[in-house]
Amino acid sequence: MTQPRLGFIGIGLMGDPMTRRLLDAGFAVTVWNRTAEKSDALRAAGARVASSIGELVEEVDVVLLCLANTTVVERVIFGEGGVAAHGRTDQRLVDLSSSDPAATRIFAERLGEECGMRWVDSPVSGGVAGAETGSLAIMCGGAEEDVDAVRPLLAPLAARVTHMGPVGAGQVTKVCNQMIVGCQAAVIAEMVALAEASGVDASRLTEALAGGFADSRPFQILTPRMAASDFDNPAWHLRTLLKDLDMAVAQSQRAGSATPMSVLAAQLMRTHVSQGHAEHDPATLVEAYRRKP
């Protein structure tokens, strides 16, 4: 069977390694990014670089997106010269971004009406390391036949692909994931600061708690960075985690489900972001609790 031709829009921290894995798996991949320079290294890796979104869409079978937020997704799809203006009924769109669930359902219906493309929301969890090693967890929303059709192209990216329900269900699942991650990040910052204030070597917390109930990937990643004040070269940004918690709160309001812990974590992060930490690693949250000299 001939492999589908892929188009990848959004060459950022996650998009770059995911595109490389698709190329290594033998897929023909065309890429487009708003900042064209980010595509140059992928050209050297074998990707074709499109000069516009329209050019990309017209020559591929599946369009993949990995974009910053819901607003950018909407602009790329429905803006002037966007995906919807060039899409066809024989194509699918796979949104790997973390987007608002309600907006995702609206976008999918609108895209189908405007050009006939089918939508699979496929947000990912596992960070840059997971993207580089192909060990992401991908949670999908969409029709069963559409999810089954894109499984082979998601295989090089993921250790697990789970179909969670109709369009939007993948994004709801990612919101649930980020509620856990966001609340953990907030309490890990408190925990590291408490250990330090109590005279305990915070750099040994991951060793001491390994394998216990408190152990987790966020704990393993954030705790050493917080203890060492290692905030350089962030693999993710505080603004992104805050955006996801805000989506969780919005979804809870729509569903009539209480999320007091996520609300508090979002408020703490919003304060930290307002102090100039939007582009910084979430590990910088520990600075909010450390005693100032």
Protein backbone atom coordinates (compact mmCIF):
# COMPACT_ATOMS: atom_id res chain seq x y z
CA MET A 1 0.00 0.00 0.00
CA THR A 2 1.32 3.44 -0.91
CA GLN A 3 2.11 5.57 2.10
CA PRO A 4 0.14 8.82 2.38
CA ARG A 5 1.93 12.06 1.59
CA LEU A 6 2.13 14.14 4.74
CA GLY A 7 2.11 17.88 5.35
CA PHE A 8 3.33 19.19 8.70
CA ILE A 9 2.51 22.73 9.84
CA GLY A 10 4.22 24.05 12.96
CA ILE A 11 7.94 23.38 13.33
CA GLY A 12 8.52 24.16 16.98
CA LEU A 13 9.88 22.31 20.01
CA MET A 14 7.58 19.36 19.31
CA GLY A 15 6.99 19.70 15.59
CA ASP A 16 10.64 19.43 14.60
CA PRO A 17 11.39 16.06 16.26
CA MET A 18 8.02 14.63 15.21
CA THR A 19 8.68 15.56 11.59
CA ARG A 20 12.12 13.95 11.78
CA ARG A 21 10.64 10.71 13.04
CA LEU A 22 8.12 10.68 10.18
CA LEU A 23 10.96 11.23 7.69
CA ASP A 24 12.99 8.45 9.30
CA ALA A 25 9.97 6.15 8.99
CA GLY A 26 9.99 6.69 5.23
CA PHE A 27 7.13 9.14 4.85
CA ALA A 28 7.32 11.92 2.29
CA VAL A 29 6.79 15.07 4.37
CA THR A 30 6.20 18.63 3.21
CA VAL A 31 6.54 21.28 5.92
CA TRP A 32 5.47 24.88 6.39
CA ASN A 33 6.16 27.20 9.28
CA ARG A 34 5.35 30.86 9.82
CA THR A 35 9.02 31.47 10.62
CA ALA A 36 10.53 29.94 7.49
CA GLU A 37 14.04 29.63 8.95
CA LYS A 38 12.87 26.89 11.31
CA SER A 39 12.22 24.66 8.28
CA ASP A 40 15.77 24.86 6.89
CA ALA A 41 17.20 22.07 9.04
CA LEU A 42 14.30 19.80 8.06
CA ARG A 43 15.02 20.46 4.39
CA ALA A 44 18.48 19.02 5.01
CA ALA A 45 16.84 16.02 6.68
CA GLY A 46 14.77 15.28 3.57
CA ALA A 47 11.59 17.30 3.98
CA ARG A 48 10.20 19.42 1.23
CA VAL A 49 9.55 23.01 2.33
CA ALA A 50 6.39 24.64 0.96
CA SER A 51 6.27 28.36 0.31
CA SER A 52 2.66 28.62 1.54
CA ILE A 53 -0.03 26.68 3.38
CA GLY A 54 -1.94 26.33 0.12
CA GLU A 55 1.04 24.76 -1.64
CA LEU A 56 1.44 22.27 1.18
CA VAL A 57 -2.23 21.28 1.29
CA GLU A 58 -2.50 20.80 -2.45
CA GLU A 59 0.26 18.19 -2.60
CA VAL A 60 -0.46 16.01 0.46
CA ASP A 61 -3.01 13.45 1.65
CA VAL A 62 -2.91 14.24 5.38
CA VAL A 63 -2.25 17.61 7.03
CA LEU A 64 -0.76 17.52 10.53
CA LEU A 65 -0.76 20.55 12.81
CA CYS A 66 1.33 21.18 15.91
CA LEU A 67 0.58 24.77 16.88
CA ALA A 68 0.80 26.97 19.95
CA ASN A 69 -2.87 27.38 20.83
CA THR A 70 -6.47 27.38 19.63
CA THR A 71 -6.23 30.86 18.13
CA VAL A 72 -3.29 29.87 15.94
CA VAL A 73 -5.06 26.67 14.87
CA GLU A 74 -8.07 28.71 13.76
CA ARG A 75 -5.89 31.17 11.86
CA VAL A 76 -3.93 28.48 10.03
CA ILE A 77 -7.05 26.62 9.00
CA PHE A 78 -9.56 29.38 8.29
CA GLY A 79 -7.40 32.45 7.72
CA GLU A 80 -6.75 33.84 4.26
CA GLY A 81 -4.99 31.19 2.18
CA GLY A 82 -5.38 28.65 4.99
CA VAL A 83 -6.04 24.93 4.99
CA ALA A 84 -9.79 25.23 4.44
CA ALA A 85 -9.32 27.26 1.26
CA HIS A 86 -7.34 24.45 -0.37
CA GLY A 87 -8.58 21.26 1.29
CA ARG A 88 -10.26 18.33 -0.48
CA THR A 89 -12.78 15.68 0.50
CA ASP A 90 -10.17 12.91 0.23
CA GLN A 91 -7.93 14.49 2.87
CA ARG A 92 -7.73 14.31 6.65
CA LEU A 93 -6.49 16.86 9.15
CA VAL A 94 -4.70 15.63 12.29
CA ASP A 95 -4.40 18.28 14.99
CA LEU A 96 -1.56 17.38 17.36
CA SER A 97 -1.91 20.73 19.13
CA SER A 98 -3.47 21.13 22.56
CA SER A 99 -6.62 23.05 21.65
CA ASP A 100 -9.91 23.93 23.31
CA PRO A 101 -12.34 20.97 23.03
CA ALA A 102 -15.44 23.05 22.22
CA ALA A 103 -13.60 25.08 19.58
CA THR A 104 -12.21 21.86 18.12
CA ARG A 105 -15.71 20.50 17.54
CA ILE A 106 -16.76 23.75 15.87
CA PHE A 107 -13.63 23.83 13.71
CA ALA A 108 -14.12 20.21 12.60
CA GLU A 109 -17.72 20.82 11.54
CA ARG A 110 -16.80 24.03 9.75
CA LEU A 111 -13.87 22.42 7.94
CA GLY A 112 -16.09 19.61 6.74
CA GLU A 113 -18.67 22.07 5.45
CA GLU A 114 -16.14 24.29 3.68
CA CYS A 115 -13.96 21.69 1.97
CA GLY A 116 -14.93 18.19 3.09
CA MET A 117 -11.76 17.38 5.04
CA ARG A 118 -12.19 15.01 8.00
CA TRP A 119 -10.78 15.94 11.41
CA VAL A 120 -8.90 13.88 13.99
CA ASP A 121 -7.85 15.73 17.13
CA SER A 122 -4.70 14.00 18.37
CA PRO A 123 -3.06 15.96 21.20
CA VAL A 124 0.11 14.45 22.62
CA SER A 125 1.75 13.99 25.99
CA GLY A 126 5.37 13.18 26.68
CA GLY A 127 7.19 16.41 25.91
CA VAL A 128 10.18 16.95 23.67
CA ALA A 129 11.87 13.81 24.94
CA GLY A 130 8.84 11.75 23.96
CA ALA A 131 8.73 13.39 20.54
CA GLU A 132 12.41 12.62 19.98
CA THR A 133 12.14 8.96 20.99
CA GLY A 134 8.70 8.25 19.53
CA SER A 135 7.27 7.44 22.94
CA LEU A 136 4.43 9.98 23.08
CA ALA A 137 0.96 9.16 24.35
CA ILE A 138 -1.55 10.31 21.73
CA MET A 139 -5.24 10.63 22.55
CA CYS A 140 -7.54 10.81 19.54
CA GLY A 141 -11.01 12.16 18.88
CA GLY A 142 -12.82 11.47 15.63
CA ALA A 143 -14.75 8.90 13.63
CA GLU A 144 -13.39 5.38 14.09
CA GLU A 145 -12.55 4.99 10.40
CA ASP A 146 -10.59 8.26 10.42
CA VAL A 147 -8.64 7.35 13.55
CA ASP A 148 -7.84 3.91 12.12
CA ALA A 149 -6.67 5.55 8.89
CA VAL A 150 -4.14 7.78 10.67
CA ARG A 151 -2.80 5.16 13.10
CA PRO A 152 0.05 4.07 10.78
CA LEU A 153 1.38 7.61 10.49
CA LEU A 154 1.09 8.17 14.25
CA ALA A 155 2.96 4.92 15.00
CA PRO A 156 6.48 6.41 14.58
CA LEU A 157 5.54 9.14 17.07
CA ALA A 158 3.86 7.24 19.86
CA ALA A 159 4.13 4.40 22.34
CA ARG A 160 0.34 4.53 22.62
CA VAL A 161 -2.52 5.81 20.46
CA THR A 162 -5.94 5.71 22.13
CA HIS A 163 -9.25 6.49 20.43
CA MET A 164 -11.25 8.33 23.11
CA GLY A 165 -14.46 9.06 21.20
CA PRO A 166 -15.83 11.55 18.66
CA VAL A 167 -14.12 14.78 17.61
CA GLY A 168 -13.12 16.79 20.68
CA ALA A 169 -12.72 13.76 22.95
CA GLY A 170 -8.98 13.73 22.40
CA GLN A 171 -8.74 17.35 23.51
CA VAL A 172 -10.84 16.69 26.61
CA THR A 173 -8.48 13.85 27.49
CA LYS A 174 -5.45 16.12 27.05
CA VAL A 175 -7.10 18.70 29.33
CA CYS A 176 -7.44 15.96 31.97
CA ASN A 177 -3.76 15.12 31.51
CA GLN A 178 -2.73 18.73 31.94
CA MET A 179 -4.82 19.15 35.08
CA ILE A 180 -2.65 16.49 36.70
CA VAL A 181 0.59 17.91 35.30
CA GLY A 182 -0.25 21.51 36.22
CA CYS A 183 -1.33 20.77 39.76
CA GLN A 184 1.73 18.57 40.25
CA ALA A 185 4.04 21.33 39.02
CA ALA A 186 2.55 23.75 41.55
CA VAL A 187 2.85 21.40 44.51
CA ILE A 188 6.33 20.20 43.51
CA ALA A 189 7.49 23.83 43.72
CA GLU A 190 6.02 24.10 47.23
CA MET A 191 7.60 20.80 48.20
CA VAL A 192 11.12 21.69 47.01
CA ALA A 193 10.97 25.06 48.78
CA LEU A 194 9.72 23.43 51.99
CA ALA A 195 12.53 20.88 51.92
CA GLU A 196 15.11 23.63 51.45
CA ALA A 197 13.63 25.81 54.19
CA SER A 198 13.72 22.80 56.53
CA GLY A 199 17.39 22.06 55.89
CA VAL A 200 16.85 19.04 53.65
CA ASP A 201 18.92 18.56 50.47
CA ALA A 202 16.22 18.92 47.80
CA SER A 203 18.51 17.42 45.16
CA ARG A 204 18.06 14.02 46.85
CA LEU A 205 14.24 14.06 46.82
CA THR A 206 13.95 12.15 43.53
CA GLU A 207 16.24 9.44 44.92
CA ALA A 208 14.38 9.24 48.21
CA LEU A 209 10.89 9.10 46.72
CA ALA A 210 11.62 6.96 43.64
CA GLY A 211 9.09 4.17 43.29
CA GLY A 212 6.78 5.56 45.96
CA PHE A 213 3.31 7.00 45.53
CA ALA A 214 4.71 10.50 44.92
CA ASP A 215 6.87 9.40 42.00
CA SER A 216 5.87 10.60 38.53
CA ARG A 217 7.39 11.95 35.34
CA PRO A 218 6.73 15.61 36.31
CA PHE A 219 8.31 14.90 39.70
CA GLN A 220 11.37 13.30 38.07
CA ILE A 221 11.80 16.15 35.58
CA LEU A 222 10.92 19.22 37.64
CA THR A 223 12.37 18.40 41.06
CA PRO A 224 16.06 18.25 40.02
CA ARG A 225 15.71 21.41 37.93
CA MET A 226 14.07 23.25 40.81
CA ALA A 227 16.63 22.02 43.35
CA ALA A 228 19.54 23.07 41.11
CA SER A 229 17.88 26.31 39.92
CA ASP A 230 18.48 24.93 36.42
CA PHE A 231 16.13 27.00 34.32
CA ASP A 232 18.13 27.22 31.07
CA ASN A 233 17.06 25.60 27.78
CA PRO A 234 13.46 24.90 28.82
CA ALA A 235 11.84 21.92 27.14
CA TRP A 236 8.43 23.52 27.74
CA HIS A 237 7.10 26.91 28.77
CA LEU A 238 5.02 28.14 31.66
CA ARG A 239 2.68 29.99 29.30
CA THR A 240 1.79 26.67 27.64
CA LEU A 241 0.94 24.97 30.92
CA LEU A 242 -1.13 27.97 31.99
CA LYS A 243 -2.99 27.91 28.66
CA ASP A 244 -3.89 24.26 29.20
CA LEU A 245 -5.10 24.85 32.75
CA ASP A 246 -7.25 27.73 31.53
CA MET A 247 -8.79 25.36 28.97
CA ALA A 248 -9.45 22.85 31.75
CA VAL A 249 -11.29 25.47 33.78
CA ALA A 250 -13.30 26.58 30.74
CA GLN A 251 -14.25 22.97 29.97
CA SER A 252 -15.26 22.40 33.59
CA GLN A 253 -17.62 25.36 33.39
CA ARG A 254 -19.21 23.98 30.22
CA ALA A 255 -19.55 20.52 31.74
CA GLY A 256 -20.70 21.75 35.16
CA SER A 257 -17.83 19.93 36.90
CA ALA A 258 -15.84 21.55 39.72
CA THR A 259 -12.06 22.01 39.31
CA PRO A 260 -10.90 24.00 42.36
CA MET A 261 -7.33 22.64 42.36
CA SER A 262 -6.82 23.49 38.69
CA VAL A 263 -8.24 26.97 39.27
CA LEU A 264 -5.76 27.57 42.09
CA ALA A 265 -2.81 26.21 40.09
CA ALA A 266 -3.76 28.47 37.18
CA GLN A 267 -3.95 31.50 39.48
CA LEU A 268 -0.48 30.76 40.90
CA MET A 269 0.97 30.35 37.42
CA ARG A 270 -0.74 33.49 36.12
CA THR A 271 0.91 35.49 38.89
CA HIS A 272 4.30 34.02 37.99
CA VAL A 273 3.73 34.68 34.28
CA SER A 274 2.85 38.30 35.07
CA GLN A 275 6.27 38.65 36.66
CA GLY A 276 8.02 37.91 33.39
CA HIS A 277 8.20 34.13 33.41
CA ALA A 278 5.88 33.27 30.50
CA GLU A 279 8.68 31.90 28.32
CA HIS A 280 10.50 30.23 31.20
CA ASP A 281 10.51 26.62 32.35
CA PRO A 282 7.73 25.73 34.82
CA ALA A 283 10.58 24.82 37.19
CA THR A 284 10.89 28.56 37.90
CA LEU A 285 7.71 28.25 39.98
CA VAL A 286 9.94 27.30 42.90
CA GLU A 287 11.25 30.87 42.96
CA ALA A 288 7.82 32.06 44.09
CA TYR A 289 8.27 30.14 47.36
CA ARG A 290 11.95 30.58 48.14
CA ARG A 291 12.87 32.98 50.91
CA LYS A 292 14.25 36.19 49.53
CA PRO A 293 17.56 37.42 51.05
